[in-house]
Amino acid sequence: MDKLAYKSEKELASAIKDIEVTSISQKTKLMRYELDGIIHTSIWRRHETWQNIFHQETKKKLKNPVIKDRIFFYSLISKSLRYS
């Protein structure tokens, strides 16, 4: 894969999803969006220009972590059976 194709693929993979903007007041906005499986939450305040006064990143939880654990467990078992 050449450099340009890799860059284009990475940009597509890291597209911003689920953008939400909530008005807290006329000069304050709450913004939430997802980027690369991480939920970003920020508060913006307008003085002369918009300024970010708070930002938090939260890893997105799996919908059903038990299934992921089972898949991992079964893969360990199948690997151990192959090598025994």
N, C-alpha and C. Protein backbone atom coordinates (compact mmCIF):
# COMPACT_ATOMS: atom_id res chain seq x y z
N MET A 1 0.86 -1.18 0.00
CA MET A 1 0.00 0.00 0.00
C MET A 1 0.90 1.24 0.00
N ASP A 2 0.64 2.16 -0.91
CA ASP A 2 1.46 3.36 -0.96
C ASP A 2 1.01 4.36 0.13
N LYS A 3 1.81 5.38 0.30
CA LYS A 3 1.60 6.35 1.39
C LYS A 3 0.26 7.08 1.27
N LEU A 4 -0.12 7.47 0.08
CA LEU A 4 -1.37 8.20 -0.14
C LEU A 4 -2.58 7.31 0.16
N ALA A 5 -2.54 6.06 -0.28
CA ALA A 5 -3.64 5.13 -0.01
C ALA A 5 -3.76 4.87 1.49
N TYR A 6 -2.64 4.72 2.18
CA TYR A 6 -2.66 4.50 3.63
C TYR A 6 -3.27 5.71 4.35
N LYS A 7 -2.87 6.90 3.95
CA LYS A 7 -3.39 8.12 4.57
C LYS A 7 -4.90 8.24 4.35
N SER A 8 -5.35 7.95 3.13
CA SER A 8 -6.78 8.01 2.83
C SER A 8 -7.57 7.00 3.65
N GLU A 9 -7.03 5.78 3.77
CA GLU A 9 -7.71 4.74 4.54
C GLU A 9 -7.77 5.12 6.02
N LYS A 10 -6.70 5.68 6.56
CA LYS A 10 -6.67 6.08 7.97
C LYS A 10 -7.68 7.19 8.23
N GLU A 11 -7.79 8.14 7.31
CA GLU A 11 -8.76 9.22 7.48
C GLU A 11 -10.18 8.69 7.49
N LEU A 12 -10.48 7.73 6.64
CA LEU A 12 -11.82 7.13 6.62
C LEU A 12 -12.09 6.36 7.90
N ALA A 13 -11.10 5.65 8.39
CA ALA A 13 -11.27 4.84 9.60
C ALA A 13 -11.46 5.71 10.84
N SER A 14 -10.92 6.92 10.82
CA SER A 14 -11.00 7.76 12.00
C SER A 14 -11.98 8.93 11.81
N ALA A 15 -13.04 8.68 11.09
CA ALA A 15 -14.04 9.72 10.86
C ALA A 15 -14.81 9.99 12.16
N ILE A 16 -15.19 11.22 12.34
CA ILE A 16 -15.96 11.61 13.52
C ILE A 16 -17.39 11.10 13.35
N LYS A 17 -17.92 10.47 14.42
CA LYS A 17 -19.26 9.91 14.38
C LYS A 17 -20.12 10.52 15.49
N ASP A 18 -21.42 10.47 15.30
CA ASP A 18 -22.41 10.82 16.33
C ASP A 18 -22.14 12.17 17.00
N ILE A 19 -22.06 13.21 16.20
CA ILE A 19 -21.82 14.54 16.75
C ILE A 19 -23.11 15.07 17.37
N GLU A 20 -23.00 15.54 18.61
CA GLU A 20 -24.13 16.16 19.31
C GLU A 20 -23.68 17.49 19.88
N VAL A 21 -24.46 18.53 19.68
CA VAL A 21 -24.18 19.83 20.28
C VAL A 21 -25.42 20.24 21.06
N THR A 22 -25.23 20.50 22.35
CA THR A 22 -26.33 20.90 23.24
C THR A 22 -26.04 22.30 23.75
N SER A 23 -27.04 23.16 23.67
CA SER A 23 -26.88 24.52 24.16
C SER A 23 -27.15 24.56 25.66
N ILE A 24 -26.12 24.93 26.42
CA ILE A 24 -26.27 25.08 27.87
C ILE A 24 -26.77 26.49 28.18
N SER A 25 -26.25 27.46 27.44
CA SER A 25 -26.72 28.85 27.51
C SER A 25 -26.39 29.48 26.16
N GLN A 26 -26.66 30.78 26.01
CA GLN A 26 -26.36 31.43 24.74
C GLN A 26 -24.87 31.41 24.42
N LYS A 27 -24.05 31.44 25.45
CA LYS A 27 -22.60 31.51 25.25
C LYS A 27 -21.87 30.22 25.58
N THR A 28 -22.59 29.16 25.95
CA THR A 28 -21.95 27.91 26.36
C THR A 28 -22.60 26.72 25.65
N LYS A 29 -21.77 25.88 25.07
CA LYS A 29 -22.25 24.71 24.34
C LYS A 29 -21.53 23.46 24.83
N LEU A 30 -22.26 22.35 24.88
CA LEU A 30 -21.71 21.04 25.20
C LEU A 30 -21.62 20.26 23.90
N MET A 31 -20.45 19.74 23.60
CA MET A 31 -20.25 19.00 22.36
C MET A 31 -19.80 17.58 22.70
N ARG A 32 -20.43 16.59 22.03
CA ARG A 32 -20.05 15.18 22.19
C ARG A 32 -19.90 14.57 20.81
N TYR A 33 -18.86 13.77 20.65
CA TYR A 33 -18.66 13.04 19.39
C TYR A 33 -17.79 11.83 19.66
N GLU A 34 -17.83 10.89 18.71
CA GLU A 34 -17.02 9.68 18.82
C GLU A 34 -15.95 9.70 17.73
N LEU A 35 -14.73 9.37 18.13
CA LEU A 35 -13.61 9.32 17.21
C LEU A 35 -12.74 8.13 17.58
N ASP A 36 -12.58 7.18 16.68
CA ASP A 36 -11.76 5.98 16.91
C ASP A 36 -12.16 5.21 18.16
N GLY A 37 -13.46 5.06 18.39
CA GLY A 37 -13.95 4.29 19.53
C GLY A 37 -13.84 5.00 20.88
N ILE A 38 -13.53 6.28 20.85
CA ILE A 38 -13.42 7.08 22.07
C ILE A 38 -14.45 8.19 22.00
N ILE A 39 -15.23 8.34 23.09
CA ILE A 39 -16.23 9.40 23.15
C ILE A 39 -15.57 10.65 23.72
N HIS A 40 -15.65 11.74 22.97
CA HIS A 40 -15.09 13.02 23.39
C HIS A 40 -16.23 13.92 23.85
N THR A 41 -16.06 14.53 25.00
CA THR A 41 -17.04 15.48 25.53
C THR A 41 -16.30 16.77 25.84
N SER A 42 -16.82 17.89 25.36
CA SER A 42 -16.16 19.16 25.63
C SER A 42 -17.20 20.26 25.85
N ILE A 43 -16.80 21.25 26.61
CA ILE A 43 -17.64 22.43 26.85
C ILE A 43 -16.93 23.64 26.24
N TRP A 44 -17.66 24.37 25.43
CA TRP A 44 -17.14 25.54 24.74
C TRP A 44 -17.86 26.78 25.26
N ARG A 45 -17.09 27.84 25.45
CA ARG A 45 -17.65 29.12 25.95
C ARG A 45 -17.21 30.23 25.02
N ARG A 46 -18.17 31.11 24.69
CA ARG A 46 -17.86 32.22 23.79
C ARG A 46 -17.63 33.49 24.60
N HIS A 47 -16.43 34.05 24.43
CA HIS A 47 -16.11 35.38 24.94
C HIS A 47 -15.98 36.24 23.70
N GLU A 48 -14.78 36.57 23.30
CA GLU A 48 -14.58 37.22 22.00
C GLU A 48 -14.56 36.15 20.90
N THR A 49 -14.01 35.01 21.23
CA THR A 49 -13.97 33.86 20.33
C THR A 49 -14.40 32.63 21.13
N TRP A 50 -14.64 31.52 20.43
CA TRP A 50 -14.99 30.28 21.13
C TRP A 50 -13.74 29.70 21.77
N GLN A 51 -13.87 29.31 23.05
CA GLN A 51 -12.76 28.71 23.78
C GLN A 51 -13.21 27.41 24.42
N ASN A 52 -12.37 26.40 24.32
CA ASN A 52 -12.66 25.12 24.95
C ASN A 52 -12.27 25.24 26.42
N ILE A 53 -13.26 25.08 27.32
CA ILE A 53 -12.96 25.21 28.75
C ILE A 53 -12.91 23.86 29.46
N PHE A 54 -13.34 22.78 28.77
CA PHE A 54 -13.31 21.44 29.36
C PHE A 54 -13.30 20.42 28.24
N HIS A 55 -12.49 19.36 28.42
CA HIS A 55 -12.48 18.26 27.46
C HIS A 55 -12.22 16.96 28.20
N GLN A 56 -12.98 15.92 27.85
CA GLN A 56 -12.80 14.60 28.46
C GLN A 56 -12.92 13.54 27.38
N GLU A 57 -12.08 12.50 27.48
CA GLU A 57 -12.14 11.37 26.57
C GLU A 57 -12.50 10.13 27.37
N THR A 58 -13.47 9.36 26.86
CA THR A 58 -13.94 8.15 27.54
C THR A 58 -13.94 7.00 26.54
N LYS A 59 -13.28 5.90 26.89
CA LYS A 59 -13.30 4.73 26.01
C LYS A 59 -14.71 4.18 25.97
N LYS A 60 -15.13 3.81 24.77
CA LYS A 60 -16.47 3.27 24.58
C LYS A 60 -16.52 1.85 25.12
N LYS A 61 -17.54 1.54 25.92
CA LYS A 61 -17.69 0.20 26.48
C LYS A 61 -18.22 -0.75 25.42
N LEU A 62 -17.85 -2.01 25.56
CA LEU A 62 -18.39 -3.04 24.67
C LEU A 62 -19.85 -3.28 25.03
N LYS A 63 -20.66 -3.57 24.03
CA LYS A 63 -22.08 -3.82 24.29
C LYS A 63 -22.28 -5.08 25.12
N ASN A 64 -21.48 -6.11 24.84
CA ASN A 64 -21.60 -7.35 25.58
C ASN A 64 -20.19 -7.90 25.84
N PRO A 65 -19.52 -7.44 26.92
CA PRO A 65 -18.15 -7.88 27.16
C PRO A 65 -18.03 -9.37 27.44
N VAL A 66 -19.10 -10.02 27.87
CA VAL A 66 -19.06 -11.46 28.16
C VAL A 66 -18.75 -12.23 26.88
N ILE A 67 -19.35 -11.83 25.77
CA ILE A 67 -19.11 -12.51 24.49
C ILE A 67 -17.65 -12.39 24.10
N LYS A 68 -17.06 -11.22 24.28
CA LYS A 68 -15.64 -11.04 23.94
C LYS A 68 -14.79 -11.96 24.80
N ASP A 69 -15.08 -12.06 26.09
CA ASP A 69 -14.33 -12.95 26.98
C ASP A 69 -14.48 -14.40 26.55
N ARG A 70 -15.67 -14.80 26.14
CA ARG A 70 -15.88 -16.18 25.68
C ARG A 70 -15.09 -16.46 24.42
N ILE A 71 -15.09 -15.53 23.49
CA ILE A 71 -14.33 -15.71 22.24
C ILE A 71 -12.85 -15.86 22.57
N PHE A 72 -12.34 -15.03 23.47
CA PHE A 72 -10.94 -15.11 23.86
C PHE A 72 -10.65 -16.46 24.52
N PHE A 73 -11.54 -16.89 25.41
CA PHE A 73 -11.38 -18.17 26.10
C PHE A 73 -11.36 -19.33 25.11
N TYR A 74 -12.32 -19.34 24.17
CA TYR A 74 -12.38 -20.41 23.17
C TYR A 74 -11.15 -20.40 22.27
N SER A 75 -10.64 -19.23 21.94
CA SER A 75 -9.44 -19.18 21.10
C SER A 75 -8.24 -19.73 21.86
N LEU A 76 -8.16 -19.49 23.17
CA LEU A 76 -7.07 -20.06 23.97
C LEU A 76 -7.17 -21.59 24.00
N ILE A 77 -8.38 -22.08 24.19
CA ILE A 77 -8.58 -23.53 24.24
C ILE A 77 -8.21 -24.16 22.90
N SER A 78 -8.67 -23.58 21.81
CA SER A 78 -8.37 -24.18 20.50
C SER A 78 -6.88 -24.15 20.20
N LYS A 79 -6.18 -23.09 20.63
CA LYS A 79 -4.73 -23.05 20.42
C LYS A 79 -4.03 -24.11 21.25
N SER A 80 -4.47 -24.27 22.49
CA SER A 80 -3.81 -25.26 23.35
C SER A 80 -4.08 -26.68 22.82
N LEU A 81 -5.25 -26.94 22.25
CA LEU A 81 -5.54 -28.27 21.71
C LEU A 81 -4.70 -28.56 20.47
N ARG A 82 -4.43 -27.52 19.67
CA ARG A 82 -3.62 -27.72 18.47
C ARG A 82 -2.18 -28.10 18.80
N TYR A 83 -1.68 -27.54 19.89
CA TYR A 83 -0.27 -27.75 20.24
C TYR A 83 -0.07 -28.92 21.19
N SER A 84 -1.13 -29.60 21.60
CA SER A 84 -0.95 -30.74 22.53
C SER A 84 -0.93 -32.06 21.80
